[in-house]
Amino acid sequence: MMLSNYVPLVGLFVLAAGFALFSVTAAPFIGPRRYNSAKVQAYECGIEPVDQPLTGGRIPVKYFLTAMLFIVFDIEIVFLYPWAVANDALGLWGLTAMAVFIGTVFIAFVYEWRRGGLEWD
């Protein structure tokens, strides 16, 4: 009796797995087969790929600033969703805690902005 509540969830997992399996197996048969030199190269956001030594090259600081910006906003969203759902139950304490959190995220955002992380050149 208790397991009947899980039947829709198991059905959804079976449906998702079936769709994924079908997509992976059918793609080579129904997809286009127009290969050229541009399609077999590694995609690097429009930048021409360059050969680097096996030890790697110097990675620009812009890469890390962009990664830090993603992490700041990702963590903010992860904490804002549960807070928004339980906002009524948390009361003034929850509002204060979230204000401190948003303030901390804002400081990180200003730091990123001042360091040039938002300039896309």
PDB file of N, CA and C in Angstrom:
ATOM      1  N   MET A   1       0.817  -1.185   0.000  1.00  0.00           N
ATOM      2  CA  MET A   1       0.000   0.000   0.000  1.00  0.00           C
ATOM      3  C   MET A   1       0.869   1.261   0.000  1.00  0.00           C
ATOM      4  N   MET A   2       1.918   1.277   0.794  1.00  0.00           N
ATOM      5  CA  MET A   2       2.802   2.429   0.873  1.00  0.00           C
ATOM      6  C   MET A   2       3.602   2.624  -0.416  1.00  0.00           C
ATOM      7  N   LEU A   3       3.935   1.544  -1.090  1.00  0.00           N
ATOM      8  CA  LEU A   3       4.750   1.647  -2.297  1.00  0.00           C
ATOM      9  C   LEU A   3       3.968   2.202  -3.482  1.00  0.00           C
ATOM     10  N   SER A   4       2.649   2.207  -3.406  1.00  0.00           N
ATOM     11  CA  SER A   4       1.862   2.721  -4.531  1.00  0.00           C
ATOM     12  C   SER A   4       2.070   4.223  -4.724  1.00  0.00           C
ATOM     13  N   ASN A   5       2.530   4.928  -3.697  1.00  0.00           N
ATOM     14  CA  ASN A   5       2.819   6.347  -3.843  1.00  0.00           C
ATOM     15  C   ASN A   5       4.038   6.595  -4.730  1.00  0.00           C
ATOM     16  N   TYR A   6       4.899   5.604  -4.847  1.00  0.00           N
ATOM     17  CA  TYR A   6       6.129   5.762  -5.620  1.00  0.00           C
ATOM     18  C   TYR A   6       5.996   5.322  -7.071  1.00  0.00           C
ATOM     19  N   VAL A   7       4.867   4.778  -7.460  1.00  0.00           N
ATOM     20  CA  VAL A   7       4.681   4.295  -8.828  1.00  0.00           C
ATOM     21  C   VAL A   7       4.840   5.428  -9.850  1.00  0.00           C
ATOM     22  N   PRO A   8       4.262   6.624  -9.645  1.00  0.00           N
ATOM     23  CA  PRO A   8       4.491   7.700 -10.627  1.00  0.00           C
ATOM     24  C   PRO A   8       5.955   8.119 -10.714  1.00  0.00           C
ATOM     25  N   LEU A   9       6.656   8.127  -9.599  1.00  0.00           N
ATOM     26  CA  LEU A   9       8.067   8.493  -9.606  1.00  0.00           C
ATOM     27  C   LEU A   9       8.901   7.461 -10.361  1.00  0.00           C
ATOM     28  N   VAL A  10       8.642   6.197 -10.111  1.00  0.00           N
ATOM     29  CA  VAL A  10       9.356   5.145 -10.829  1.00  0.00           C
ATOM     30  C   VAL A  10       9.013   5.205 -12.315  1.00  0.00           C
ATOM     31  N   GLY A  11       7.751   5.474 -12.628  1.00  0.00           N
ATOM     32  CA  GLY A  11       7.350   5.621 -14.031  1.00  0.00           C
ATOM     33  C   GLY A  11       8.074   6.773 -14.713  1.00  0.00           C
ATOM     34  N   LEU A  12       8.243   7.876 -13.994  1.00  0.00           N
ATOM     35  CA  LEU A  12       8.968   9.017 -14.553  1.00  0.00           C
ATOM     36  C   LEU A  12      10.429   8.671 -14.810  1.00  0.00           C
ATOM     37  N   PHE A  13      11.067   7.953 -13.874  1.00  0.00           N
ATOM     38  CA  PHE A  13      12.456   7.525 -14.068  1.00  0.00           C
ATOM     39  C   PHE A  13      12.577   6.575 -15.257  1.00  0.00           C
ATOM     40  N   VAL A  14      11.632   5.662 -15.401  1.00  0.00           N
ATOM     41  CA  VAL A  14      11.658   4.728 -16.533  1.00  0.00           C
ATOM     42  C   VAL A  14      11.461   5.489 -17.840  1.00  0.00           C
ATOM     43  N   LEU A  15      10.546   6.446 -17.847  1.00  0.00           N
ATOM     44  CA  LEU A  15      10.313   7.243 -19.043  1.00  0.00           C
ATOM     45  C   LEU A  15      11.548   8.058 -19.402  1.00  0.00           C
ATOM     46  N   ALA A  16      12.191   8.677 -18.423  1.00  0.00           N
ATOM     47  CA  ALA A  16      13.394   9.471 -18.678  1.00  0.00           C
ATOM     48  C   ALA A  16      14.532   8.589 -19.183  1.00  0.00           C
ATOM     49  N   ALA A  17      14.726   7.430 -18.573  1.00  0.00           N
ATOM     50  CA  ALA A  17      15.789   6.521 -19.013  1.00  0.00           C
ATOM     51  C   ALA A  17      15.504   6.004 -20.419  1.00  0.00           C
ATOM     52  N   GLY A  18      14.248   5.694 -20.708  1.00  0.00           N
ATOM     53  CA  GLY A  18      13.891   5.237 -22.049  1.00  0.00           C
ATOM     54  C   GLY A  18      14.125   6.316 -23.104  1.00  0.00           C
ATOM     55  N   PHE A  19      13.772   7.559 -22.784  1.00  0.00           N
ATOM     56  CA  PHE A  19      14.002   8.653 -23.720  1.00  0.00           C
ATOM     57  C   PHE A  19      15.488   8.871 -23.942  1.00  0.00           C
ATOM     58  N   ALA A  20      16.279   8.825 -22.872  1.00  0.00           N
ATOM     59  CA  ALA A  20      17.723   9.013 -23.010  1.00  0.00           C
ATOM     60  C   ALA A  20      18.330   7.891 -23.842  1.00  0.00           C
ATOM     61  N   LEU A  21      17.944   6.670 -23.578  1.00  0.00           N
ATOM     62  CA  LEU A  21      18.471   5.529 -24.332  1.00  0.00           C
ATOM     63  C   LEU A  21      18.068   5.625 -25.805  1.00  0.00           C
ATOM     64  N   PHE A  22      16.804   5.978 -26.058  1.00  0.00           N
ATOM     65  CA  PHE A  22      16.346   6.131 -27.442  1.00  0.00           C
ATOM     66  C   PHE A  22      17.116   7.237 -28.149  1.00  0.00           C
ATOM     67  N   SER A  23      17.322   8.369 -27.488  1.00  0.00           N
ATOM     68  CA  SER A  23      18.019   9.498 -28.110  1.00  0.00           C
ATOM     69  C   SER A  23      19.455   9.147 -28.458  1.00  0.00           C
ATOM     70  N   VAL A  24      20.143   8.458 -27.558  1.00  0.00           N
ATOM     71  CA  VAL A  24      21.541   8.114 -27.801  1.00  0.00           C
ATOM     72  C   VAL A  24      21.667   7.082 -28.915  1.00  0.00           C
ATOM     73  N   THR A  25      20.757   6.125 -28.961  1.00  0.00           N
ATOM     74  CA  THR A  25      20.866   5.091 -30.001  1.00  0.00           C
ATOM     75  C   THR A  25      20.341   5.560 -31.359  1.00  0.00           C
ATOM     76  N   ALA A  26      19.382   6.456 -31.387  1.00  0.00           N
ATOM     77  CA  ALA A  26      18.804   6.883 -32.660  1.00  0.00           C
ATOM     78  C   ALA A  26      19.598   8.007 -33.322  1.00  0.00           C
ATOM     79  N   ALA A  27      20.321   8.791 -32.570  1.00  0.00           N
ATOM     80  CA  ALA A  27      21.026   9.952 -33.126  1.00  0.00           C
ATOM     81  C   ALA A  27      22.000   9.592 -34.246  1.00  0.00           C
ATOM     82  N   PRO A  28      22.811   8.564 -34.121  1.00  0.00           N
ATOM     83  CA  PRO A  28      23.729   8.265 -35.229  1.00  0.00           C
ATOM     84  C   PRO A  28      23.016   7.859 -36.520  1.00  0.00           C
ATOM     85  N   PHE A  29      21.814   7.321 -36.418  1.00  0.00           N
ATOM     86  CA  PHE A  29      21.106   6.852 -37.596  1.00  0.00           C
ATOM     87  C   PHE A  29      20.311   7.960 -38.291  1.00  0.00           C
ATOM     88  N   ILE A  30      19.759   8.895 -37.530  1.00  0.00           N
ATOM     89  CA  ILE A  30      18.900   9.913 -38.136  1.00  0.00           C
ATOM     90  C   ILE A  30      19.560  11.286 -38.219  1.00  0.00           C
ATOM     91  N   GLY A  31      20.727  11.455 -37.606  1.00  0.00           N
ATOM     92  CA  GLY A  31      21.417  12.745 -37.631  1.00  0.00           C
ATOM     93  C   GLY A  31      22.163  12.968 -38.933  1.00  0.00           C
ATOM     94  N   PRO A  32      22.495  14.239 -39.236  1.00  0.00           N
ATOM     95  CA  PRO A  32      23.228  14.531 -40.471  1.00  0.00           C
ATOM     96  C   PRO A  32      24.665  14.025 -40.399  1.00  0.00           C
ATOM     97  N   ARG A  33      25.214  13.679 -41.553  1.00  0.00           N
ATOM     98  CA  ARG A  33      26.585  13.151 -41.627  1.00  0.00           C
ATOM     99  C   ARG A  33      27.421  14.020 -42.557  1.00  0.00           C
ATOM    100  N   ARG A  34      27.526  15.284 -42.257  1.00  0.00           N
ATOM    101  CA  ARG A  34      28.320  16.204 -43.062  1.00  0.00           C
ATOM    102  C   ARG A  34      29.531  16.638 -42.243  1.00  0.00           C
ATOM    103  N   TYR A  35      30.549  15.840 -42.260  1.00  0.00           N
ATOM    104  CA  TYR A  35      31.742  16.150 -41.490  1.00  0.00           C
ATOM    105  C   TYR A  35      32.694  17.000 -42.323  1.00  0.00           C
ATOM    106  N   ASN A  36      33.312  17.976 -41.691  1.00  0.00           N
ATOM    107  CA  ASN A  36      34.358  18.751 -42.324  1.00  0.00           C
ATOM    108  C   ASN A  36      35.394  19.086 -41.260  1.00  0.00           C
ATOM    109  N   SER A  37      36.429  19.795 -41.646  1.00  0.00           N
ATOM    110  CA  SER A  37      37.528  20.041 -40.706  1.00  0.00           C
ATOM    111  C   SER A  37      37.093  20.931 -39.546  1.00  0.00           C
ATOM    112  N   ALA A  38      36.142  21.815 -39.763  1.00  0.00           N
ATOM    113  CA  ALA A  38      35.701  22.694 -38.679  1.00  0.00           C
ATOM    114  C   ALA A  38      34.901  21.939 -37.626  1.00  0.00           C
ATOM    115  N   LYS A  39      34.160  20.922 -38.039  1.00  0.00           N
ATOM    116  CA  LYS A  39      33.335  20.182 -37.086  1.00  0.00           C
ATOM    117  C   LYS A  39      34.130  19.229 -36.206  1.00  0.00           C
ATOM    118  N   VAL A  40      35.258  18.775 -36.669  1.00  0.00           N
ATOM    119  CA  VAL A  40      36.031  17.831 -35.869  1.00  0.00           C
ATOM    120  C   VAL A  40      37.019  18.522 -34.944  1.00  0.00           C
ATOM    121  N   GLN A  41      37.148  19.855 -35.053  1.00  0.00           N
ATOM    122  CA  GLN A  41      38.026  20.585 -34.150  1.00  0.00           C
ATOM    123  C   GLN A  41      37.335  20.817 -32.812  1.00  0.00           C
ATOM    124  N   ALA A  42      38.133  21.035 -31.786  1.00  0.00           N
ATOM    125  CA  ALA A  42      37.584  21.347 -30.473  1.00  0.00           C
ATOM    126  C   ALA A  42      36.940  22.727 -30.505  1.00  0.00           C
ATOM    127  N   TYR A  43      35.805  22.862 -29.845  1.00  0.00           N
ATOM    128  CA  TYR A  43      35.087  24.135 -29.814  1.00  0.00           C
ATOM    129  C   TYR A  43      35.595  24.970 -28.649  1.00  0.00           C
ATOM    130  N   GLU A  44      36.070  26.167 -28.954  1.00  0.00           N
ATOM    131  CA  GLU A  44      36.605  27.041 -27.907  1.00  0.00           C
ATOM    132  C   GLU A  44      35.991  28.425 -28.009  1.00  0.00           C
ATOM    133  N   CYS A  45      34.673  28.490 -28.109  1.00  0.00           N
ATOM    134  CA  CYS A  45      33.938  29.756 -28.084  1.00  0.00           C
ATOM    135  C   CYS A  45      34.383  30.720 -29.175  1.00  0.00           C
ATOM    136  N   GLY A  46      34.660  30.231 -30.336  1.00  0.00           N
ATOM    137  CA  GLY A  46      35.026  31.097 -31.442  1.00  0.00           C
ATOM    138  C   GLY A  46      36.489  31.461 -31.503  1.00  0.00           C
ATOM    139  N   ILE A  47      37.272  31.039 -30.551  1.00  0.00           N
ATOM    140  CA  ILE A  47      38.698  31.327 -30.538  1.00  0.00           C
ATOM    141  C   ILE A  47      39.408  30.186 -31.261  1.00  0.00           C
ATOM    142  N   GLU A  48      40.341  30.523 -32.092  1.00  0.00           N
ATOM    143  CA  GLU A  48      41.096  29.493 -32.790  1.00  0.00           C
ATOM    144  C   GLU A  48      41.868  28.651 -31.779  1.00  0.00           C
ATOM    145  N   PRO A  49      41.749  27.325 -31.840  1.00  0.00           N
ATOM    146  CA  PRO A  49      42.486  26.478 -30.911  1.00  0.00           C
ATOM    147  C   PRO A  49      43.989  26.594 -31.154  1.00  0.00           C
ATOM    148  N   VAL A  50      44.736  26.641 -30.086  1.00  0.00           N
ATOM    149  CA  VAL A  50      46.190  26.725 -30.179  1.00  0.00           C
ATOM    150  C   VAL A  50      46.793  25.528 -29.458  1.00  0.00           C
ATOM    151  N   ASP A  51      47.933  25.097 -29.968  1.00  0.00           N
ATOM    152  CA  ASP A  51      48.629  23.997 -29.316  1.00  0.00           C
ATOM    153  C   ASP A  51      49.339  24.514 -28.081  1.00  0.00           C
ATOM    154  N   GLN A  52      49.151  23.823 -26.968  1.00  0.00           N
ATOM    155  CA  GLN A  52      49.832  24.176 -25.731  1.00  0.00           C
ATOM    156  C   GLN A  52      50.663  22.992 -25.287  1.00  0.00           C
ATOM    157  N   PRO A  53      51.720  23.239 -24.553  1.00  0.00           N
ATOM    158  CA  PRO A  53      52.502  22.115 -24.058  1.00  0.00           C
ATOM    159  C   PRO A  53      51.682  21.252 -23.110  1.00  0.00           C
ATOM    160  N   LEU A  54      52.132  20.032 -22.907  1.00  0.00           N
ATOM    161  CA  LEU A  54      51.405  19.104 -22.050  1.00  0.00           C
ATOM    162  C   LEU A  54      51.276  19.607 -20.621  1.00  0.00           C
ATOM    163  N   THR A  55      52.211  20.414 -20.187  1.00  0.00           N
ATOM    164  CA  THR A  55      52.128  20.941 -18.827  1.00  0.00           C
ATOM    165  C   THR A  55      51.100  22.053 -18.726  1.00  0.00           C
ATOM    166  N   GLY A  56      50.529  22.470 -19.835  1.00  0.00           N
ATOM    167  CA  GLY A  56      49.534  23.532 -19.824  1.00  0.00           C
ATOM    168  C   GLY A  56      50.191  24.875 -20.009  1.00  0.00           C
ATOM    169  N   GLY A  57      49.395  25.832 -20.305  1.00  0.00           N
ATOM    170  CA  GLY A  57      49.903  27.186 -20.472  1.00  0.00           C
ATOM    171  C   GLY A  57      49.385  28.055 -19.351  1.00  0.00           C
ATOM    172  N   ARG A  58      49.719  29.291 -19.426  1.00  0.00           N
ATOM    173  CA  ARG A  58      49.216  30.230 -18.433  1.00  0.00           C
ATOM    174  C   ARG A  58      47.760  30.540 -18.744  1.00  0.00           C
ATOM    175  N   ILE A  59      46.933  30.401 -17.771  1.00  0.00           N
ATOM    176  CA  ILE A  59      45.513  30.670 -17.943  1.00  0.00           C
ATOM    177  C   ILE A  59      45.261  32.111 -17.515  1.00  0.00           C
ATOM    178  N   PRO A  60      44.572  32.889 -18.335  1.00  0.00           N
ATOM    179  CA  PRO A  60      44.333  34.290 -17.978  1.00  0.00           C
ATOM    180  C   PRO A  60      43.488  34.412 -16.708  1.00  0.00           C
ATOM    181  N   VAL A  61      43.683  35.503 -15.996  1.00  0.00           N
ATOM    182  CA  VAL A  61      42.940  35.758 -14.764  1.00  0.00           C
ATOM    183  C   VAL A  61      41.452  35.926 -15.065  1.00  0.00           C
ATOM    184  N   LYS A  62      41.119  36.392 -16.260  1.00  0.00           N
ATOM    185  CA  LYS A  62      39.715  36.560 -16.641  1.00  0.00           C
ATOM    186  C   LYS A  62      38.930  35.254 -16.504  1.00  0.00           C
ATOM    187  N   TYR A  63      39.593  34.150 -16.789  1.00  0.00           N
ATOM    188  CA  TYR A  63      38.937  32.847 -16.663  1.00  0.00           C
ATOM    189  C   TYR A  63      38.507  32.617 -15.220  1.00  0.00           C
ATOM    190  N   PHE A  64      39.367  32.900 -14.281  1.00  0.00           N
ATOM    191  CA  PHE A  64      39.062  32.665 -12.882  1.00  0.00           C
ATOM    192  C   PHE A  64      38.047  33.676 -12.359  1.00  0.00           C
ATOM    193  N   LEU A  65      38.086  34.909 -12.868  1.00  0.00           N
ATOM    194  CA  LEU A  65      37.092  35.895 -12.462  1.00  0.00           C
ATOM    195  C   LEU A  65      35.703  35.497 -12.939  1.00  0.00           C
ATOM    196  N   THR A  66      35.622  34.962 -14.143  1.00  0.00           N
ATOM    197  CA  THR A  66      34.340  34.489 -14.657  1.00  0.00           C
ATOM    198  C   THR A  66      33.843  33.302 -13.843  1.00  0.00           C
ATOM    199  N   ALA A  67      34.740  32.396 -13.503  1.00  0.00           N
ATOM    200  CA  ALA A  67      34.358  31.244 -12.681  1.00  0.00           C
ATOM    201  C   ALA A  67      33.884  31.699 -11.308  1.00  0.00           C
ATOM    202  N   MET A  68      34.555  32.682 -10.732  1.00  0.00           N
ATOM    203  CA  MET A  68      34.162  33.183  -9.425  1.00  0.00           C
ATOM    204  C   MET A  68      32.790  33.851  -9.497  1.00  0.00           C
ATOM    205  N   LEU A  69      32.532  34.567 -10.571  1.00  0.00           N
ATOM    206  CA  LEU A  69      31.232  35.200 -10.745  1.00  0.00           C
ATOM    207  C   LEU A  69      30.131  34.149 -10.836  1.00  0.00           C
ATOM    208  N   PHE A  70      30.378  33.086 -11.572  1.00  0.00           N
ATOM    209  CA  PHE A  70      29.400  32.008 -11.661  1.00  0.00           C
ATOM    210  C   PHE A  70      29.140  31.398 -10.286  1.00  0.00           C
ATOM    211  N   ILE A  71      30.180  31.159  -9.526  1.00  0.00           N
ATOM    212  CA  ILE A  71      30.017  30.542  -8.207  1.00  0.00           C
ATOM    213  C   ILE A  71      29.250  31.463  -7.268  1.00  0.00           C
ATOM    214  N   VAL A  72      29.537  32.759  -7.310  1.00  0.00           N
ATOM    215  CA  VAL A  72      28.833  33.705  -6.442  1.00  0.00           C
ATOM    216  C   VAL A  72      27.335  33.671  -6.727  1.00  0.00           C
ATOM    217  N   PHE A  73      26.948  33.751  -7.992  1.00  0.00           N
ATOM    218  CA  PHE A  73      25.527  33.761  -8.309  1.00  0.00           C
ATOM    219  C   PHE A  73      24.887  32.384  -8.125  1.00  0.00           C
ATOM    220  N   ASP A  74      25.626  31.334  -8.361  1.00  0.00           N
ATOM    221  CA  ASP A  74      25.091  29.995  -8.171  1.00  0.00           C
ATOM    222  C   ASP A  74      24.782  29.743  -6.700  1.00  0.00           C
ATOM    223  N   ILE A  75      25.687  30.094  -5.831  1.00  0.00           N
ATOM    224  CA  ILE A  75      25.468  29.901  -4.401  1.00  0.00           C
ATOM    225  C   ILE A  75      24.333  30.793  -3.916  1.00  0.00           C
ATOM    226  N   GLU A  76      24.236  31.982  -4.459  1.00  0.00           N
ATOM    227  CA  GLU A  76      23.146  32.873  -4.063  1.00  0.00           C
ATOM    228  C   GLU A  76      21.796  32.251  -4.394  1.00  0.00           C
ATOM    229  N   ILE A  77      21.663  31.716  -5.585  1.00  0.00           N
ATOM    230  CA  ILE A  77      20.392  31.116  -5.985  1.00  0.00           C
ATOM    231  C   ILE A  77      20.084  29.873  -5.158  1.00  0.00           C
ATOM    232  N   VAL A  78      21.096  29.084  -4.850  1.00  0.00           N
ATOM    233  CA  VAL A  78      20.885  27.868  -4.058  1.00  0.00           C
ATOM    234  C   VAL A  78      20.326  28.210  -2.677  1.00  0.00           C
ATOM    235  N   PHE A  79      20.738  29.325  -2.105  1.00  0.00           N
ATOM    236  CA  PHE A  79      20.237  29.703  -0.791  1.00  0.00           C
ATOM    237  C   PHE A  79      18.957  30.531  -0.858  1.00  0.00           C
ATOM    238  N   LEU A  80      18.706  31.220  -1.967  1.00  0.00           N
ATOM    239  CA  LEU A  80      17.508  32.042  -2.055  1.00  0.00           C
ATOM    240  C   LEU A  80      16.233  31.232  -2.278  1.00  0.00           C
ATOM    241  N   TYR A  81      16.309  30.132  -3.000  1.00  0.00           N
ATOM    242  CA  TYR A  81      15.104  29.341  -3.248  1.00  0.00           C
ATOM    243  C   TYR A  81      14.499  28.777  -1.969  1.00  0.00           C
ATOM    244  N   PRO A  82      15.271  28.084  -1.126  1.00  0.00           N
ATOM    245  CA  PRO A  82      14.651  27.580   0.115  1.00  0.00           C
ATOM    246  C   PRO A  82      14.158  28.708   1.028  1.00  0.00           C
ATOM    247  N   TRP A  83      14.885  29.818   1.040  1.00  0.00           N
ATOM    248  CA  TRP A  83      14.448  30.939   1.870  1.00  0.00           C
ATOM    249  C   TRP A  83      13.117  31.491   1.366  1.00  0.00           C
ATOM    250  N   ALA A  84      12.959  31.581   0.057  1.00  0.00           N
ATOM    251  CA  ALA A  84      11.714  32.103  -0.500  1.00  0.00           C
ATOM    252  C   ALA A  84      10.540  31.179  -0.195  1.00  0.00           C
ATOM    253  N   VAL A  85      10.793  29.882  -0.173  1.00  0.00           N
ATOM    254  CA  VAL A  85       9.722  28.930   0.107  1.00  0.00           C
ATOM    255  C   VAL A  85       9.297  29.004   1.568  1.00  0.00           C
ATOM    256  N   ALA A  86      10.262  29.125   2.475  1.00  0.00           N
ATOM    257  CA  ALA A  86       9.975  29.124   3.913  1.00  0.00           C
ATOM    258  C   ALA A  86      10.003  30.524   4.505  1.00  0.00           C
ATOM    259  N   ASN A  87       9.759  31.539   3.723  1.00  0.00           N
ATOM    260  CA  ASN A  87       9.872  32.921   4.189  1.00  0.00           C
ATOM    261  C   ASN A  87       8.911  33.222   5.330  1.00  0.00           C
ATOM    262  N   ASP A  88       7.673  32.770   5.252  1.00  0.00           N
ATOM    263  CA  ASP A  88       6.691  33.062   6.289  1.00  0.00           C
ATOM    264  C   ASP A  88       7.054  32.409   7.620  1.00  0.00           C
ATOM    265  N   ALA A  89       7.603  31.214   7.563  1.00  0.00           N
ATOM    266  CA  ALA A  89       7.913  30.486   8.795  1.00  0.00           C
ATOM    267  C   ALA A  89       9.161  31.024   9.497  1.00  0.00           C
ATOM    268  N   LEU A  90      10.040  31.689   8.780  1.00  0.00           N
ATOM    269  CA  LEU A  90      11.301  32.143   9.373  1.00  0.00           C
ATOM    270  C   LEU A  90      11.171  33.458  10.130  1.00  0.00           C
ATOM    271  N   GLY A  91      10.242  34.292   9.746  1.00  0.00           N
ATOM    272  CA  GLY A  91      10.006  35.536  10.463  1.00  0.00           C
ATOM    273  C   GLY A  91      11.129  36.544  10.315  1.00  0.00           C
ATOM    274  N   LEU A  92      11.292  37.380  11.337  1.00  0.00           N
ATOM    275  CA  LEU A  92      12.279  38.454  11.307  1.00  0.00           C
ATOM    276  C   LEU A  92      13.700  37.912  11.314  1.00  0.00           C
ATOM    277  N   TRP A  93      13.921  36.806  12.022  1.00  0.00           N
ATOM    278  CA  TRP A  93      15.265  36.213  12.061  1.00  0.00           C
ATOM    279  C   TRP A  93      15.695  35.771  10.667  1.00  0.00           C
ATOM    280  N   GLY A  94      14.803  35.146   9.927  1.00  0.00           N
ATOM    281  CA  GLY A  94      15.116  34.716   8.569  1.00  0.00           C
ATOM    282  C   GLY A  94      15.383  35.886   7.647  1.00  0.00           C
ATOM    283  N   LEU A  95      14.618  36.962   7.814  1.00  0.00           N
ATOM    284  CA  LEU A  95      14.832  38.157   6.999  1.00  0.00           C
ATOM    285  C   LEU A  95      16.193  38.776   7.300  1.00  0.00           C
ATOM    286  N   THR A  96      16.557  38.834   8.568  1.00  0.00           N
ATOM    287  CA  THR A  96      17.856  39.395   8.951  1.00  0.00           C
ATOM    288  C   THR A  96      19.001  38.533   8.419  1.00  0.00           C
ATOM    289  N   ALA A  97      18.886  37.234   8.573  1.00  0.00           N
ATOM    290  CA  ALA A  97      19.933  36.332   8.079  1.00  0.00           C
ATOM    291  C   ALA A  97      20.090  36.454   6.567  1.00  0.00           C
ATOM    292  N   MET A  98      18.980  36.559   5.852  1.00  0.00           N
ATOM    293  CA  MET A  98      19.063  36.685   4.402  1.00  0.00           C
ATOM    294  C   MET A  98      19.610  38.049   4.004  1.00  0.00           C
ATOM    295  N   ALA A  99      19.306  39.086   4.765  1.00  0.00           N
ATOM    296  CA  ALA A  99      19.867  40.406   4.470  1.00  0.00           C
ATOM    297  C   ALA A  99      21.384  40.393   4.644  1.00  0.00           C
ATOM    298  N   VAL A 100      21.877  39.721   5.674  1.00  0.00           N
ATOM    299  CA  VAL A 100      23.324  39.597   5.867  1.00  0.00           C
ATOM    300  C   VAL A 100      23.937  38.796   4.719  1.00  0.00           C
ATOM    301  N   PHE A 101      23.269  37.727   4.318  1.00  0.00           N
ATOM    302  CA  PHE A 101      23.768  36.910   3.212  1.00  0.00           C
ATOM    303  C   PHE A 101      23.802  37.703   1.907  1.00  0.00           C
ATOM    304  N   ILE A 102      22.730  38.424   1.610  1.00  0.00           N
ATOM    305  CA  ILE A 102      22.682  39.225   0.388  1.00  0.00           C
ATOM    306  C   ILE A 102      23.752  40.311   0.437  1.00  0.00           C
ATOM    307  N   GLY A 103      23.974  40.887   1.611  1.00  0.00           N
ATOM    308  CA  GLY A 103      25.038  41.880   1.748  1.00  0.00           C
ATOM    309  C   GLY A 103      26.406  41.294   1.450  1.00  0.00           C
ATOM    310  N   THR A 104      26.662  40.085   1.939  1.00  0.00           N
ATOM    311  CA  THR A 104      27.927  39.413   1.668  1.00  0.00           C
ATOM    312  C   THR A 104      28.086  39.111   0.178  1.00  0.00           C
ATOM    313  N   VAL A 105      27.008  38.657  -0.446  1.00  0.00           N
ATOM    314  CA  VAL A 105      27.051  38.387  -1.891  1.00  0.00           C
ATOM    315  C   VAL A 105      27.266  39.689  -2.661  1.00  0.00           C
ATOM    316  N   PHE A 106      26.668  40.765  -2.199  1.00  0.00           N
ATOM    317  CA  PHE A 106      26.845  42.049  -2.859  1.00  0.00           C
ATOM    318  C   PHE A 106      28.299  42.517  -2.765  1.00  0.00           C
ATOM    319  N   ILE A 107      28.935  42.289  -1.626  1.00  0.00           N
ATOM    320  CA  ILE A 107      30.351  42.644  -1.476  1.00  0.00           C
ATOM    321  C   ILE A 107      31.202  41.837  -2.462  1.00  0.00           C
ATOM    322  N   ALA A 108      30.907  40.545  -2.598  1.00  0.00           N
ATOM    323  CA  ALA A 108      31.640  39.719  -3.567  1.00  0.00           C
ATOM    324  C   ALA A 108      31.389  40.197  -4.988  1.00  0.00           C
ATOM    325  N   PHE A 109      30.163  40.607  -5.286  1.00  0.00           N
ATOM    326  CA  PHE A 109      29.842  41.112  -6.617  1.00  0.00           C
ATOM    327  C   PHE A 109      30.583  42.416  -6.902  1.00  0.00           C
ATOM    328  N   VAL A 110      30.637  43.319  -5.919  1.00  0.00           N
ATOM    329  CA  VAL A 110      31.354  44.584  -6.108  1.00  0.00           C
ATOM    330  C   VAL A 110      32.847  44.316  -6.309  1.00  0.00           C
ATOM    331  N   TYR A 111      33.393  43.369  -5.557  1.00  0.00           N
ATOM    332  CA  TYR A 111      34.805  43.005  -5.727  1.00  0.00           C
ATOM    333  C   TYR A 111      35.056  42.503  -7.152  1.00  0.00           C
ATOM    334  N   GLU A 112      34.175  41.646  -7.614  1.00  0.00           N
ATOM    335  CA  GLU A 112      34.295  41.109  -8.980  1.00  0.00           C
ATOM    336  C   GLU A 112      34.191  42.228 -10.013  1.00  0.00           C
ATOM    337  N   TRP A 113      33.294  43.142  -9.793  1.00  0.00           N
ATOM    338  CA  TRP A 113      33.085  44.262 -10.701  1.00  0.00           C
ATOM    339  C   TRP A 113      34.318  45.154 -10.743  1.00  0.00           C
ATOM    340  N   ARG A 114      34.886  45.456  -9.583  1.00  0.00           N
ATOM    341  CA  ARG A 114      36.067  46.326  -9.519  1.00  0.00           C
ATOM    342  C   ARG A 114      37.304  45.663 -10.119  1.00  0.00           C
ATOM    343  N   ARG A 115      37.385  44.351 -10.053  1.00  0.00           N
ATOM    344  CA  ARG A 115      38.514  43.624 -10.621  1.00  0.00           C
ATOM    345  C   ARG A 115      38.399  43.431 -12.122  1.00  0.00           C
ATOM    346  N   GLY A 116      37.270  43.817 -12.712  1.00  0.00           N
ATOM    347  CA  GLY A 116      37.103  43.731 -14.168  1.00  0.00           C
ATOM    348  C   GLY A 116      36.491  42.437 -14.637  1.00  0.00           C
ATOM    349  N   GLY A 117      35.830  41.713 -13.777  1.00  0.00           N
ATOM    350  CA  GLY A 117      35.235  40.445 -14.169  1.00  0.00           C
ATOM    351  C   GLY A 117      34.021  40.578 -15.051  1.00  0.00           C
ATOM    352  N   LEU A 118      33.434  41.765 -15.128  1.00  0.00           N
ATOM    353  CA  LEU A 118      32.245  41.971 -15.953  1.00  0.00           C
ATOM    354  C   LEU A 118      32.565  42.600 -17.302  1.00  0.00           C
ATOM    355  N   GLU A 119      33.817  42.843 -17.579  1.00  0.00           N
ATOM    356  CA  GLU A 119      34.217  43.422 -18.861  1.00  0.00           C
ATOM    357  C   GLU A 119      34.560  42.301 -19.825  1.00  0.00           C
ATOM    358  N   TRP A 120      33.781  42.181 -20.890  1.00  0.00           N
ATOM    359  CA  TRP A 120      33.945  41.096 -21.852  1.00  0.00           C
ATOM    360  C   TRP A 120      34.671  41.622 -23.078  1.00  0.00           C
ATOM    361  N   ASP A 121      35.988  41.627 -23.034  1.00  0.00           N
ATOM    362  CA  ASP A 121      36.746  42.083 -24.199  1.00  0.00           C
ATOM    363  C   ASP A 121      37.575  40.984 -24.781  1.00  0.00           C
TER     364      ASP A 121
END
